[in-house]
Each structure stands twice: as C-alpha cells, then as structure tokens.
PDB file of all heavy atoms in Angstrom:
ATOM      1  N   ASP A   1       0.822  -1.260  -0.099  1.00  0.00           N
ATOM      2  CA  ASP A   1       0.037  -0.011   0.008  1.00  0.00           C
ATOM      3  C   ASP A   1       0.847   1.321   0.063  1.00  0.00           C
ATOM      4  O   ASP A   1       2.089   1.198  -0.146  1.00  0.00           O
ATOM      5  CB  ASP A   1      -1.046  -0.038   1.139  1.00  0.00           C
ATOM      6  CG  ASP A   1      -0.285  -0.115   2.504  1.00  0.00           C
ATOM      7  OD1 ASP A   1       0.889   0.264   2.621  1.00  0.00           O
ATOM      8  OD2 ASP A   1      -0.878  -0.382   3.569  1.00  0.00           O
ATOM      9  N   ASN A   2       0.347   2.394   0.242  1.00  0.00           N
ATOM     10  CA  ASN A   2       1.012   3.643   0.136  1.00  0.00           C
ATOM     11  C   ASN A   2       2.006   3.921   1.253  1.00  0.00           C
ATOM     12  O   ASN A   2       2.846   4.659   1.173  1.00  0.00           O
ATOM     13  CB  ASN A   2       0.096   4.817   0.067  1.00  0.00           C
ATOM     14  CG  ASN A   2      -0.822   4.799   1.322  1.00  0.00           C
ATOM     15  OD1 ASN A   2      -1.510   3.922   1.602  1.00  0.00           O
ATOM     16  ND2 ASN A   2      -0.804   6.046   2.126  1.00  0.00           N
ATOM     17  N   PHE A   3       1.986   2.897   2.318  1.00  0.00           N
ATOM     18  CA  PHE A   3       2.897   3.078   3.375  1.00  0.00           C
ATOM     19  C   PHE A   3       4.185   2.217   3.079  1.00  0.00           C
ATOM     20  O   PHE A   3       5.269   2.437   3.611  1.00  0.00           O
ATOM     21  CB  PHE A   3       2.342   2.652   4.654  1.00  0.00           C
ATOM     22  CG  PHE A   3       1.247   3.482   5.239  1.00  0.00           C
ATOM     23  CD1 PHE A   3      -0.078   3.251   5.190  1.00  0.00           C
ATOM     24  CD2 PHE A   3       1.554   4.718   5.751  1.00  0.00           C
ATOM     25  CE1 PHE A   3      -1.051   3.984   5.526  1.00  0.00           C
ATOM     26  CE2 PHE A   3       0.559   5.560   6.189  1.00  0.00           C
ATOM     27  CZ  PHE A   3      -0.765   5.260   6.069  1.00  0.00           C
ATOM     28  N   THR A   4       4.008   1.164   2.283  1.00  0.00           N
ATOM     29  CA  THR A   4       5.063   0.173   1.920  1.00  0.00           C
ATOM     30  C   THR A   4       6.294   0.779   1.248  1.00  0.00           C
ATOM     31  O   THR A   4       7.364   0.744   1.561  1.00  0.00           O
ATOM     32  CB  THR A   4       4.476  -0.955   1.098  1.00  0.00           C
ATOM     33  OG1 THR A   4       3.297  -1.533   1.725  1.00  0.00           O
ATOM     34  CG2 THR A   4       5.555  -2.168   0.972  1.00  0.00           C
ATOM     35  N   PHE A   5       5.857   1.539   0.142  1.00  0.00           N
ATOM     36  CA  PHE A   5       6.919   1.984  -0.762  1.00  0.00           C
ATOM     37  C   PHE A   5       7.777   3.130  -0.154  1.00  0.00           C
ATOM     38  O   PHE A   5       8.961   3.140  -0.440  1.00  0.00           O
ATOM     39  CB  PHE A   5       6.217   2.642  -2.093  1.00  0.00           C
ATOM     40  CG  PHE A   5       5.506   1.482  -2.937  1.00  0.00           C
ATOM     41  CD1 PHE A   5       4.157   1.347  -2.950  1.00  0.00           C
ATOM     42  CD2 PHE A   5       6.280   0.532  -3.519  1.00  0.00           C
ATOM     43  CE1 PHE A   5       3.600   0.351  -3.677  1.00  0.00           C
ATOM     44  CE2 PHE A   5       5.834  -0.476  -4.334  1.00  0.00           C
ATOM     45  CZ  PHE A   5       4.389  -0.507  -4.441  1.00  0.00           C
ATOM     46  N   PRO A   6       7.209   4.034   0.693  1.00  0.00           N
ATOM     47  CA  PRO A   6       8.110   5.089   1.293  1.00  0.00           C
ATOM     48  C   PRO A   6       9.300   4.391   2.053  1.00  0.00           C
ATOM     49  O   PRO A   6      10.427   4.737   2.074  1.00  0.00           O
ATOM     50  CB  PRO A   6       7.242   5.867   2.141  1.00  0.00           C
ATOM     51  CG  PRO A   6       6.061   5.814   1.448  1.00  0.00           C
ATOM     52  CD  PRO A   6       5.875   4.419   0.864  1.00  0.00           C
ATOM     53  N   PHE A   7       8.912   3.342   2.943  1.00  0.00           N
ATOM     54  CA  PHE A   7       9.859   2.704   3.660  1.00  0.00           C
ATOM     55  C   PHE A   7      10.879   2.011   2.831  1.00  0.00           C
ATOM     56  O   PHE A   7      12.158   2.041   3.112  1.00  0.00           O
ATOM     57  CB  PHE A   7       9.253   1.652   4.677  1.00  0.00           C
ATOM     58  CG  PHE A   7       8.175   2.274   5.588  1.00  0.00           C
ATOM     59  CD1 PHE A   7       6.954   1.496   5.821  1.00  0.00           C
ATOM     60  CD2 PHE A   7       8.360   3.482   6.173  1.00  0.00           C
ATOM     61  CE1 PHE A   7       6.118   2.088   6.744  1.00  0.00           C
ATOM     62  CE2 PHE A   7       7.493   4.006   6.969  1.00  0.00           C
ATOM     63  CZ  PHE A   7       6.319   3.209   7.289  1.00  0.00           C
ATOM     64  N   VAL A   8      10.583   1.221   1.860  1.00  0.00           N
ATOM     65  CA  VAL A   8      11.546   0.573   0.907  1.00  0.00           C
ATOM     66  C   VAL A   8      12.427   1.580   0.176  1.00  0.00           C
ATOM     67  O   VAL A   8      13.602   1.403   0.153  1.00  0.00           O
ATOM     68  CB  VAL A   8      10.783  -0.280  -0.060  1.00  0.00           C
ATOM     69  CG1 VAL A   8      11.678  -0.937  -0.951  1.00  0.00           C
ATOM     70  CG2 VAL A   8       9.793  -1.300   0.670  1.00  0.00           C
ATOM     71  N   LEU A   9      11.793   2.609  -0.260  1.00  0.00           N
ATOM     72  CA  LEU A   9      12.587   3.712  -0.887  1.00  0.00           C
ATOM     73  C   LEU A   9      13.651   4.341   0.077  1.00  0.00           C
ATOM     74  O   LEU A   9      14.840   4.576  -0.403  1.00  0.00           O
ATOM     75  CB  LEU A   9      11.695   4.731  -1.526  1.00  0.00           C
ATOM     76  CG  LEU A   9      10.915   4.397  -2.843  1.00  0.00           C
ATOM     77  CD1 LEU A   9       9.742   5.361  -3.066  1.00  0.00           C
ATOM     78  CD2 LEU A   9      11.838   4.177  -3.939  1.00  0.00           C
ATOM     79  N   LYS A  10      13.306   4.555   1.200  1.00  0.00           N
ATOM     80  CA  LYS A  10      14.219   5.090   2.205  1.00  0.00           C
ATOM     81  C   LYS A  10      15.343   4.073   2.488  1.00  0.00           C
ATOM     82  O   LYS A  10      16.668   4.539   2.641  1.00  0.00           O
ATOM     83  CB  LYS A  10      13.526   5.372   3.528  1.00  0.00           C
ATOM     84  CG  LYS A  10      12.706   6.668   3.523  1.00  0.00           C
ATOM     85  CD  LYS A  10      11.947   6.832   4.835  1.00  0.00           C
ATOM     86  CE  LYS A  10      11.083   8.141   4.725  1.00  0.00           C
ATOM     87  NZ  LYS A  10      10.336   8.376   5.940  1.00  0.00           N
ATOM     88  N   ALA A  11      15.137   2.766   2.475  1.00  0.00           N
ATOM     89  CA  ALA A  11      16.180   1.729   2.635  1.00  0.00           C
ATOM     90  C   ALA A  11      17.136   1.748   1.325  1.00  0.00           C
ATOM     91  O   ALA A  11      18.276   1.757   1.417  1.00  0.00           O
ATOM     92  CB  ALA A  11      15.492   0.416   2.814  1.00  0.00           C
ATOM     93  N   CYS A  12      16.479   1.838   0.246  1.00  0.00           N
ATOM     94  CA  CYS A  12      17.250   2.004  -1.052  1.00  0.00           C
ATOM     95  C   CYS A  12      18.162   3.215  -1.069  1.00  0.00           C
ATOM     96  O   CYS A  12      19.318   3.167  -1.577  1.00  0.00           O
ATOM     97  CB  CYS A  12      16.382   1.997  -2.219  1.00  0.00           C
ATOM     98  SG  CYS A  12      15.517   0.328  -2.578  1.00  0.00           S
ATOM     99  N   THR A  13      17.606   4.320  -0.491  1.00  0.00           N
ATOM    100  CA  THR A  13      18.450   5.518  -0.584  1.00  0.00           C
ATOM    101  C   THR A  13      19.596   5.386   0.437  1.00  0.00           C
ATOM    102  O   THR A  13      20.826   5.691   0.074  1.00  0.00           O
ATOM    103  CB  THR A  13      17.621   6.723  -0.015  1.00  0.00           C
ATOM    104  OG1 THR A  13      16.444   6.817  -0.905  1.00  0.00           O
ATOM    105  CG2 THR A  13      18.360   8.010  -0.007  1.00  0.00           C
ATOM    106  N   LYS A  14      19.406   4.788   1.582  1.00  0.00           N
ATOM    107  CA  LYS A  14      20.503   4.543   2.543  1.00  0.00           C
ATOM    108  C   LYS A  14      21.572   3.553   2.010  1.00  0.00           C
ATOM    109  O   LYS A  14      22.759   3.846   2.139  1.00  0.00           O
ATOM    110  CB  LYS A  14      19.937   4.004   3.870  1.00  0.00           C
ATOM    111  CG  LYS A  14      19.299   4.911   4.700  1.00  0.00           C
ATOM    112  CD  LYS A  14      18.846   4.179   6.022  1.00  0.00           C
ATOM    113  CE  LYS A  14      18.203   5.182   7.088  1.00  0.00           C
ATOM    114  NZ  LYS A  14      17.832   4.395   8.291  1.00  0.00           N
ATOM    115  N   LEU A  15      21.147   2.572   1.291  1.00  0.00           N
ATOM    116  CA  LEU A  15      21.973   1.605   0.664  1.00  0.00           C
ATOM    117  C   LEU A  15      22.616   2.099  -0.549  1.00  0.00           C
ATOM    118  O   LEU A  15      23.543   1.451  -1.148  1.00  0.00           O
ATOM    119  CB  LEU A  15      21.224   0.287   0.504  1.00  0.00           C
ATOM    120  CG  LEU A  15      20.705  -0.425   1.723  1.00  0.00           C
ATOM    121  CD1 LEU A  15      19.681  -1.379   1.266  1.00  0.00           C
ATOM    122  CD2 LEU A  15      21.965  -1.109   2.529  1.00  0.00           C
ATOM    123  N   PHE A  16      22.100   3.107  -1.219  1.00  0.00           N
ATOM    124  CA  PHE A  16      22.588   3.643  -2.506  1.00  0.00           C
ATOM    125  C   PHE A  16      22.326   2.565  -3.569  1.00  0.00           C
ATOM    126  O   PHE A  16      23.117   2.457  -4.380  1.00  0.00           O
ATOM    127  CB  PHE A  16      23.983   4.032  -2.389  1.00  0.00           C
ATOM    128  CG  PHE A  16      24.329   5.243  -3.233  1.00  0.00           C
ATOM    129  CD1 PHE A  16      24.130   6.577  -2.809  1.00  0.00           C
ATOM    130  CD2 PHE A  16      24.811   5.080  -4.526  1.00  0.00           C
ATOM    131  CE1 PHE A  16      24.285   7.722  -3.621  1.00  0.00           C
ATOM    132  CE2 PHE A  16      24.994   6.204  -5.343  1.00  0.00           C
ATOM    133  CZ  PHE A  16      24.809   7.461  -4.915  1.00  0.00           C
ATOM    134  N   TRP A  17      21.183   1.867  -3.431  1.00  0.00           N
ATOM    135  CA  TRP A  17      20.831   0.839  -4.378  1.00  0.00           C
ATOM    136  C   TRP A  17      19.895   1.487  -5.562  1.00  0.00           C
ATOM    137  O   TRP A  17      18.616   1.494  -5.394  1.00  0.00           O
ATOM    138  CB  TRP A  17      20.059  -0.224  -3.639  1.00  0.00           C
ATOM    139  CG  TRP A  17      20.908  -1.170  -2.938  1.00  0.00           C
ATOM    140  CD1 TRP A  17      22.227  -0.913  -2.771  1.00  0.00           C
ATOM    141  CD2 TRP A  17      20.596  -2.468  -2.397  1.00  0.00           C
ATOM    142  NE1 TRP A  17      22.761  -1.997  -1.951  1.00  0.00           N
ATOM    143  CE2 TRP A  17      21.788  -2.902  -1.669  1.00  0.00           C
ATOM    144  CE3 TRP A  17      19.414  -2.993  -2.155  1.00  0.00           C
ATOM    145  CZ2 TRP A  17      21.773  -4.073  -0.919  1.00  0.00           C
ATOM    146  CZ3 TRP A  17      19.441  -4.276  -1.418  1.00  0.00           C
ATOM    147  CH2 TRP A  17      20.559  -4.749  -0.926  1.00  0.00           C
ATOM    148  N   VAL A  18      20.565   2.052  -6.500  1.00  0.00           N
ATOM    149  CA  VAL A  18      19.775   2.860  -7.454  1.00  0.00           C
ATOM    150  C   VAL A  18      18.871   1.967  -8.411  1.00  0.00           C
ATOM    151  O   VAL A  18      17.708   2.265  -8.614  1.00  0.00           O
ATOM    152  CB  VAL A  18      20.821   3.572  -8.464  1.00  0.00           C
ATOM    153  CG1 VAL A  18      20.041   4.409  -9.536  1.00  0.00           C
ATOM    154  CG2 VAL A  18      21.674   4.585  -7.602  1.00  0.00           C
ATOM    155  N   LYS A  19      19.422   0.810  -8.785  1.00  0.00           N
ATOM    156  CA  LYS A  19      18.511  -0.099  -9.591  1.00  0.00           C
ATOM    157  C   LYS A  19      17.425  -0.617  -8.928  1.00  0.00           C
ATOM    158  O   LYS A  19      16.294  -0.679  -9.501  1.00  0.00           O
ATOM    159  CB  LYS A  19      19.454  -1.179 -10.221  1.00  0.00           C
ATOM    160  CG  LYS A  19      20.448  -0.856 -11.257  1.00  0.00           C
ATOM    161  CD  LYS A  19      21.211  -2.176 -11.753  1.00  0.00           C
ATOM    162  CE  LYS A  19      22.230  -1.626 -12.794  1.00  0.00           C
ATOM    163  NZ  LYS A  19      23.086  -2.800 -13.366  1.00  0.00           N
ATOM    164  N   THR A  20      17.634  -0.986  -7.630  1.00  0.00           N
ATOM    165  CA  THR A  20      16.441  -1.497  -6.842  1.00  0.00           C
ATOM    166  C   THR A  20      15.493  -0.478  -6.647  1.00  0.00           C
ATOM    167  O   THR A  20      14.217  -0.714  -6.792  1.00  0.00           O
ATOM    168  CB  THR A  20      16.927  -2.091  -5.516  1.00  0.00           C
ATOM    169  OG1 THR A  20      18.007  -3.088  -5.733  1.00  0.00           O
ATOM    170  CG2 THR A  20      15.895  -2.792  -4.699  1.00  0.00           C
ATOM    171  N   GLY A  21      15.921   0.675  -6.340  1.00  0.00           N
ATOM    172  CA  GLY A  21      14.966   1.867  -5.993  1.00  0.00           C
ATOM    173  C   GLY A  21      14.234   2.215  -7.328  1.00  0.00           C
ATOM    174  O   GLY A  21      13.005   2.483  -7.355  1.00  0.00           O
ATOM    175  N   SER A  22      14.813   2.183  -8.516  1.00  0.00           N
ATOM    176  CA  SER A  22      14.179   2.488  -9.699  1.00  0.00           C
ATOM    177  C   SER A  22      13.158   1.459 -10.067  1.00  0.00           C
ATOM    178  O   SER A  22      12.127   1.726 -10.727  1.00  0.00           O
ATOM    179  CB  SER A  22      15.223   2.474 -10.971  1.00  0.00           C
ATOM    180  OG  SER A  22      16.122   3.585 -10.662  1.00  0.00           O
ATOM    181  N   ALA A  23      13.400   0.114  -9.723  1.00  0.00           N
ATOM    182  CA  ALA A  23      12.406  -0.944  -9.887  1.00  0.00           C
ATOM    183  C   ALA A  23      11.246  -0.707  -9.028  1.00  0.00           C
ATOM    184  O   ALA A  23      10.109  -1.046  -9.480  1.00  0.00           O
ATOM    185  CB  ALA A  23      13.093  -2.296  -9.715  1.00  0.00           C
ATOM    186  N   VAL A  24      11.519  -0.237  -7.711  1.00  0.00           N
ATOM    187  CA  VAL A  24      10.430   0.138  -6.825  1.00  0.00           C
ATOM    188  C   VAL A  24       9.537   1.142  -7.321  1.00  0.00           C
ATOM    189  O   VAL A  24       8.282   1.235  -7.305  1.00  0.00           O
ATOM    190  CB  VAL A  24      10.955   0.479  -5.456  1.00  0.00           C
ATOM    191  CG1 VAL A  24       9.792   0.922  -4.601  1.00  0.00           C
ATOM    192  CG2 VAL A  24      11.709  -0.848  -4.848  1.00  0.00           C
ATOM    193  N   HIS A  25      10.237   2.177  -8.060  1.00  0.00           N
ATOM    194  CA  HIS A  25       9.561   3.318  -8.699  1.00  0.00           C
ATOM    195  C   HIS A  25       8.643   2.739  -9.693  1.00  0.00           C
ATOM    196  O   HIS A  25       7.328   3.151  -9.766  1.00  0.00           O
ATOM    197  CB  HIS A  25      10.597   4.203  -9.235  1.00  0.00           C
ATOM    198  CG  HIS A  25      10.002   5.513  -9.937  1.00  0.00           C
ATOM    199  ND1 HIS A  25      10.698   6.509 -10.448  1.00  0.00           N
ATOM    200  CD2 HIS A  25       8.693   5.853 -10.088  1.00  0.00           C
ATOM    201  CE1 HIS A  25       9.967   7.469 -10.891  1.00  0.00           C
ATOM    202  NE2 HIS A  25       8.671   7.125 -10.617  1.00  0.00           N
ATOM    203  N   ALA A  26       9.066   1.890 -10.580  1.00  0.00           N
ATOM    204  CA  ALA A  26       8.121   1.365 -11.604  1.00  0.00           C
ATOM    205  C   ALA A  26       6.966   0.603 -11.078  1.00  0.00           C
ATOM    206  O   ALA A  26       5.836   0.765 -11.598  1.00  0.00           O
ATOM    207  CB  ALA A  26       8.995   0.430 -12.515  1.00  0.00           C
ATOM    208  N   ARG A  27       7.167  -0.116  -9.951  1.00  0.00           N
ATOM    209  CA  ARG A  27       6.148  -0.961  -9.449  1.00  0.00           C
ATOM    210  C   ARG A  27       5.019  -0.159  -8.724  1.00  0.00           C
ATOM    211  O   ARG A  27       3.818  -0.293  -8.794  1.00  0.00           O
ATOM    212  CB  ARG A  27       6.753  -1.935  -8.507  1.00  0.00           C
ATOM    213  CG  ARG A  27       5.776  -3.004  -7.974  1.00  0.00           C
ATOM    214  CD  ARG A  27       6.390  -4.232  -7.470  1.00  0.00           C
ATOM    215  NE  ARG A  27       5.475  -5.449  -7.248  1.00  0.00           N
ATOM    216  CZ  ARG A  27       5.086  -5.568  -5.948  1.00  0.00           C
ATOM    217  NH1 ARG A  27       5.588  -5.045  -4.930  1.00  0.00           N
ATOM    218  NH2 ARG A  27       4.212  -6.610  -5.820  1.00  0.00           N
ATOM    219  N   LEU A  28       5.606   0.901  -8.011  1.00  0.00           N
ATOM    220  CA  LEU A  28       4.635   1.788  -7.292  1.00  0.00           C
ATOM    221  C   LEU A  28       3.613   2.593  -8.394  1.00  0.00           C
ATOM    222  O   LEU A  28       2.523   2.834  -8.126  1.00  0.00           O
ATOM    223  CB  LEU A  28       5.143   2.658  -6.386  1.00  0.00           C
ATOM    224  CG  LEU A  28       6.057   3.845  -6.851  1.00  0.00           C
ATOM    225  CD1 LEU A  28       5.240   5.060  -7.163  1.00  0.00           C
ATOM    226  CD2 LEU A  28       7.104   4.330  -5.863  1.00  0.00           C
ATOM    227  N   LEU A  29       4.323   2.806  -9.510  1.00  0.00           N
ATOM    228  CA  LEU A  29       3.418   3.375 -10.650  1.00  0.00           C
ATOM    229  C   LEU A  29       2.375   2.467 -11.092  1.00  0.00           C
ATOM    230  O   LEU A  29       1.185   2.921 -11.351  1.00  0.00           O
ATOM    231  CB  LEU A  29       4.368   3.958 -11.702  1.00  0.00           C
ATOM    232  CG  LEU A  29       5.236   5.116 -11.377  1.00  0.00           C
ATOM    233  CD1 LEU A  29       6.137   5.437 -12.607  1.00  0.00           C
ATOM    234  CD2 LEU A  29       4.465   6.392 -11.007  1.00  0.00           C
ATOM    235  N   ARG A  30       2.746   1.206 -11.135  1.00  0.00           N
ATOM    236  CA  ARG A  30       1.714   0.251 -11.772  1.00  0.00           C
ATOM    237  C   ARG A  30       0.620  -0.008 -10.624  1.00  0.00           C
ATOM    238  O   ARG A  30      -0.509  -0.252 -11.075  1.00  0.00           O
ATOM    239  CB  ARG A  30       2.424  -1.111 -11.852  1.00  0.00           C
ATOM    240  CG  ARG A  30       3.320  -1.258 -13.014  1.00  0.00           C
ATOM    241  CD  ARG A  30       3.563  -2.652 -13.463  1.00  0.00           C
ATOM    242  NE  ARG A  30       4.321  -3.384 -12.569  1.00  0.00           N
ATOM    243  CZ  ARG A  30       5.581  -3.490 -12.407  1.00  0.00           C
ATOM    244  NH1 ARG A  30       6.363  -2.737 -13.227  1.00  0.00           N
ATOM    245  NH2 ARG A  30       6.142  -4.226 -11.515  1.00  0.00           N
ATOM    246  N   PHE A  31       0.973   0.269  -9.423  1.00  0.00           N
ATOM    247  CA  PHE A  31      -0.142   0.153  -8.314  1.00  0.00           C
ATOM    248  C   PHE A  31      -0.867   1.447  -8.112  1.00  0.00           C
ATOM    249  O   PHE A  31      -1.719   1.635  -7.293  1.00  0.00           O
ATOM    250  CB  PHE A  31       0.544  -0.249  -6.972  1.00  0.00           C
ATOM    251  CG  PHE A  31       0.693  -1.760  -6.868  1.00  0.00           C
ATOM    252  CD1 PHE A  31       1.880  -2.358  -7.152  1.00  0.00           C
ATOM    253  CD2 PHE A  31      -0.342  -2.625  -6.348  1.00  0.00           C
ATOM    254  CE1 PHE A  31       2.137  -3.685  -7.066  1.00  0.00           C
ATOM    255  CE2 PHE A  31      -0.151  -3.878  -6.226  1.00  0.00           C
ATOM    256  CZ  PHE A  31       1.066  -4.516  -6.538  1.00  0.00           C
ATOM    257  N   GLY A  32      -0.487   2.506  -8.933  1.00  0.00           N
ATOM    258  CA  GLY A  32      -1.255   3.723  -8.887  1.00  0.00           C
ATOM    259  C   GLY A  32      -1.026   4.613  -7.668  1.00  0.00           C
ATOM    260  O   GLY A  32      -1.800   5.485  -7.349  1.00  0.00           O
ATOM    261  N   PHE A  33       0.291   4.543  -7.120  1.00  0.00           N
ATOM    262  CA  PHE A  33       0.563   5.427  -6.032  1.00  0.00           C
ATOM    263  C   PHE A  33       1.458   6.656  -6.310  1.00  0.00           C
ATOM    264  O   PHE A  33       2.048   7.320  -5.534  1.00  0.00           O
ATOM    265  CB  PHE A  33       1.358   4.592  -4.841  1.00  0.00           C
ATOM    266  CG  PHE A  33       0.457   3.564  -4.257  1.00  0.00           C
ATOM    267  CD1 PHE A  33       0.756   2.200  -4.378  1.00  0.00           C
ATOM    268  CD2 PHE A  33      -0.753   3.945  -3.608  1.00  0.00           C
ATOM    269  CE1 PHE A  33      -0.012   1.264  -3.801  1.00  0.00           C
ATOM    270  CE2 PHE A  33      -1.510   2.954  -2.978  1.00  0.00           C
ATOM    271  CZ  PHE A  33      -1.184   1.644  -3.110  1.00  0.00           C
ATOM    272  N   GLY A  34       1.670   6.788  -7.688  1.00  0.00           N
ATOM    273  CA  GLY A  34       2.531   7.975  -8.117  1.00  0.00           C
ATOM    274  C   GLY A  34       1.995   9.322  -7.729  1.00  0.00           C
ATOM    275  O   GLY A  34       2.765  10.270  -7.584  1.00  0.00           O
ATOM    276  N   SER A  35       0.723   9.512  -7.513  1.00  0.00           N
ATOM    277  CA  SER A  35       0.115  10.803  -7.093  1.00  0.00           C
ATOM    278  C   SER A  35       0.102  11.080  -5.662  1.00  0.00           C
ATOM    279  O   SER A  35      -0.294  12.040  -5.214  1.00  0.00           O
ATOM    280  CB  SER A  35      -1.319  10.870  -7.757  1.00  0.00           C
ATOM    281  OG  SER A  35      -2.045   9.940  -7.221  1.00  0.00           O
TER     282      SER A  35
END
C-alpha cells in the first residue's frame, strides 16, 4: 500500500541501491501510488 513504498525507498536511499529503487519506482506506478 502507500505506506510500503516510502519505507522501501528510504532503505534503497540509505543503501545507495539505484537499480532496486528504480524498480520500486516502476512498481509503485503500476499500483497507482505515483500521485
């Protein structure tokens, strides 16, 4: 849900995992949370 993605993105930012964070970006858009 809309709470899941912010936590995962914060972890990716800390880890500097650009590819993983970009994949999370694509998936959250598919679930309609981009807005």
